[in-house]
Amino acid sequence: MNKQQTIDLIRQRNHSASAEFLGRFDEASLEVYLRRLSQIAGHRGRTSRWVRSTTSPAVTTRSAA
């Protein structure tokens, strides 16, 4: 799947995400986000769980440019 196809699938699930905004991210990041959106669209409730990927930090900061 190419970047534009991934963006299209994300926008089907998250209508508030603009194509311009999503276009700023690399393909790997978009695929991780799409997987997350797909997971949360499924089972919900007390027994549902989400496990953060070990490749992504729990807290990030941005320094002023």
N, C-alpha and C. Protein backbone atom coordinates (compact mmCIF):
# COMPACT_ATOMS: atom_id res chain seq x y z
N MET A 1 0.86 -1.16 0.00
CA MET A 1 0.00 0.00 0.00
C MET A 1 0.91 1.23 0.00
N ASN A 2 0.59 2.20 -0.83
CA ASN A 2 1.40 3.41 -0.87
C ASN A 2 0.90 4.44 0.15
N LYS A 3 1.64 5.52 0.27
CA LYS A 3 1.33 6.53 1.28
C LYS A 3 -0.07 7.12 1.09
N GLN A 4 -0.43 7.43 -0.16
CA GLN A 4 -1.74 8.03 -0.41
C GLN A 4 -2.88 7.07 -0.05
N GLN A 5 -2.72 5.80 -0.33
CA GLN A 5 -3.74 4.81 0.03
C GLN A 5 -3.89 4.73 1.55
N THR A 6 -2.77 4.77 2.26
CA THR A 6 -2.80 4.73 3.72
C THR A 6 -3.52 5.96 4.26
N ILE A 7 -3.21 7.12 3.71
CA ILE A 7 -3.88 8.36 4.12
C ILE A 7 -5.37 8.27 3.86
N ASP A 8 -5.77 7.75 2.72
CA ASP A 8 -7.20 7.60 2.39
C ASP A 8 -7.91 6.70 3.41
N LEU A 9 -7.27 5.59 3.78
CA LEU A 9 -7.88 4.69 4.77
C LEU A 9 -7.98 5.35 6.14
N ILE A 10 -6.97 6.11 6.51
CA ILE A 10 -7.01 6.82 7.80
C ILE A 10 -8.15 7.82 7.79
N ARG A 11 -8.31 8.55 6.70
CA ARG A 11 -9.37 9.57 6.62
C ARG A 11 -10.77 8.96 6.63
N GLN A 12 -10.89 7.70 6.19
CA GLN A 12 -12.18 7.03 6.27
C GLN A 12 -12.56 6.76 7.73
N ARG A 13 -11.56 6.54 8.57
CA ARG A 13 -11.79 6.24 9.98
C ARG A 13 -11.74 7.48 10.86
N ASN A 14 -10.94 8.47 10.47
CA ASN A 14 -10.80 9.70 11.24
C ASN A 14 -11.07 10.87 10.31
N HIS A 15 -12.31 11.33 10.28
CA HIS A 15 -12.74 12.38 9.35
C HIS A 15 -12.12 13.73 9.67
N SER A 16 -11.64 13.90 10.88
CA SER A 16 -11.07 15.20 11.26
C SER A 16 -9.61 15.35 10.84
N ALA A 17 -8.97 14.28 10.38
CA ALA A 17 -7.57 14.35 9.96
C ALA A 17 -7.51 14.78 8.49
N SER A 18 -6.87 15.90 8.24
CA SER A 18 -6.78 16.39 6.86
C SER A 18 -5.65 15.66 6.13
N ALA A 19 -5.81 15.57 4.82
CA ALA A 19 -4.78 14.94 4.00
C ALA A 19 -3.47 15.72 4.09
N GLU A 20 -3.57 17.04 4.19
CA GLU A 20 -2.38 17.88 4.31
C GLU A 20 -1.61 17.56 5.59
N PHE A 21 -2.34 17.44 6.71
CA PHE A 21 -1.71 17.12 7.99
C PHE A 21 -1.06 15.73 7.94
N LEU A 22 -1.79 14.75 7.45
CA LEU A 22 -1.27 13.38 7.40
C LEU A 22 -0.08 13.26 6.45
N GLY A 23 -0.06 14.07 5.42
CA GLY A 23 1.02 14.05 4.46
C GLY A 23 2.37 14.43 5.04
N ARG A 24 2.38 15.03 6.21
CA ARG A 24 3.63 15.43 6.88
C ARG A 24 4.37 14.25 7.50
N PHE A 25 3.68 13.12 7.66
CA PHE A 25 4.25 11.96 8.34
C PHE A 25 4.81 10.96 7.32
N ASP A 26 5.79 10.18 7.75
CA ASP A 26 6.34 9.15 6.87
C ASP A 26 5.39 7.95 6.82
N GLU A 27 5.61 7.09 5.85
CA GLU A 27 4.72 5.94 5.65
C GLU A 27 4.65 5.01 6.85
N ALA A 28 5.79 4.78 7.50
CA ALA A 28 5.80 3.87 8.66
C ALA A 28 4.92 4.42 9.78
N SER A 29 5.00 5.71 10.05
CA SER A 29 4.19 6.32 11.11
C SER A 29 2.70 6.25 10.76
N LEU A 30 2.38 6.48 9.51
CA LEU A 30 0.98 6.40 9.08
C LEU A 30 0.43 4.99 9.22
N GLU A 31 1.25 4.00 8.90
CA GLU A 31 0.80 2.61 9.03
C GLU A 31 0.56 2.24 10.49
N VAL A 32 1.41 2.72 11.39
CA VAL A 32 1.20 2.48 12.82
C VAL A 32 -0.11 3.11 13.27
N TYR A 33 -0.36 4.34 12.84
CA TYR A 33 -1.60 5.04 13.20
C TYR A 33 -2.83 4.32 12.64
N LEU A 34 -2.73 3.86 11.41
CA LEU A 34 -3.85 3.13 10.80
C LEU A 34 -4.15 1.85 11.57
N ARG A 35 -3.10 1.12 11.97
CA ARG A 35 -3.31 -0.09 12.78
C ARG A 35 -4.01 0.26 14.09
N ARG A 36 -3.59 1.36 14.71
CA ARG A 36 -4.21 1.79 15.98
C ARG A 36 -5.68 2.13 15.77
N LEU A 37 -5.97 2.86 14.72
CA LEU A 37 -7.36 3.20 14.43
C LEU A 37 -8.19 1.95 14.18
N SER A 38 -7.62 0.98 13.51
CA SER A 38 -8.33 -0.27 13.24
C SER A 38 -8.60 -1.03 14.53
N GLN A 39 -7.64 -1.01 15.46
CA GLN A 39 -7.81 -1.70 16.74
C GLN A 39 -8.92 -1.06 17.57
N ILE A 40 -8.95 0.25 17.64
CA ILE A 40 -9.94 0.90 18.50
C ILE A 40 -11.34 0.86 17.90
N ALA A 41 -11.42 0.59 16.60
CA ALA A 41 -12.73 0.50 15.96
C ALA A 41 -13.42 -0.81 16.31
N GLY A 42 -12.68 -1.76 16.82
CA GLY A 42 -13.23 -3.07 17.14
C GLY A 42 -13.78 -3.15 18.54
N HIS A 43 -13.34 -4.14 19.26
CA HIS A 43 -13.84 -4.46 20.59
C HIS A 43 -13.59 -3.32 21.58
N ARG A 44 -14.60 -3.00 22.36
CA ARG A 44 -14.47 -2.00 23.42
C ARG A 44 -15.08 -2.55 24.70
N GLY A 45 -14.71 -1.98 25.80
CA GLY A 45 -15.26 -2.41 27.07
C GLY A 45 -14.18 -2.75 28.07
N ARG A 46 -14.59 -3.33 29.18
CA ARG A 46 -13.66 -3.61 30.26
C ARG A 46 -12.53 -4.55 29.88
N THR A 47 -12.80 -5.45 28.97
CA THR A 47 -11.78 -6.45 28.62
C THR A 47 -10.90 -6.02 27.45
N SER A 48 -11.19 -4.87 26.85
CA SER A 48 -10.36 -4.43 25.73
C SER A 48 -9.05 -3.85 26.26
N ARG A 49 -7.99 -4.08 25.52
CA ARG A 49 -6.66 -3.63 25.94
C ARG A 49 -5.92 -3.03 24.76
N TRP A 50 -5.04 -2.10 25.05
CA TRP A 50 -4.14 -1.56 24.05
C TRP A 50 -2.74 -1.60 24.63
N VAL A 51 -1.82 -2.13 23.88
CA VAL A 51 -0.43 -2.22 24.33
C VAL A 51 0.39 -1.31 23.42
N ARG A 52 1.07 -0.35 24.02
CA ARG A 52 1.88 0.58 23.26
C ARG A 52 3.05 -0.15 22.63
N SER A 53 3.35 0.20 21.40
CA SER A 53 4.49 -0.38 20.70
C SER A 53 5.78 -0.04 21.44
N THR A 54 6.68 -0.98 21.53
CA THR A 54 7.95 -0.74 22.22
C THR A 54 8.87 0.16 21.42
N THR A 55 8.52 0.43 20.17
CA THR A 55 9.36 1.30 19.35
C THR A 55 8.99 2.76 19.45
N SER A 56 7.87 3.05 20.12
CA SER A 56 7.46 4.45 20.26
C SER A 56 7.56 4.88 21.72
N PRO A 57 8.07 6.07 21.96
CA PRO A 57 8.21 6.55 23.34
C PRO A 57 6.86 6.89 23.94
N ALA A 58 6.76 6.78 25.25
CA ALA A 58 5.50 7.10 25.94
C ALA A 58 5.26 8.60 25.97
N VAL A 59 6.32 9.37 26.08
CA VAL A 59 6.21 10.82 26.15
C VAL A 59 7.18 11.44 25.16
N THR A 60 6.70 12.39 24.40
CA THR A 60 7.58 13.08 23.46
C THR A 60 7.46 14.58 23.69
N THR A 61 8.48 15.29 23.32
CA THR A 61 8.46 16.76 23.42
C THR A 61 8.95 17.33 22.11
N ARG A 62 8.62 18.55 21.90
CA ARG A 62 9.06 19.25 20.70
C ARG A 62 9.79 20.50 21.14
N SER A 63 10.96 20.72 20.61
CA SER A 63 11.70 21.93 20.94
C SER A 63 11.38 23.01 19.91
N ALA A 64 11.43 24.24 20.37
CA ALA A 64 11.15 25.37 19.48
C ALA A 64 12.22 25.46 18.40
N ALA A 65 11.79 25.71 17.19
CA ALA A 65 12.75 25.78 16.08
C ALA A 65 13.28 27.18 15.89
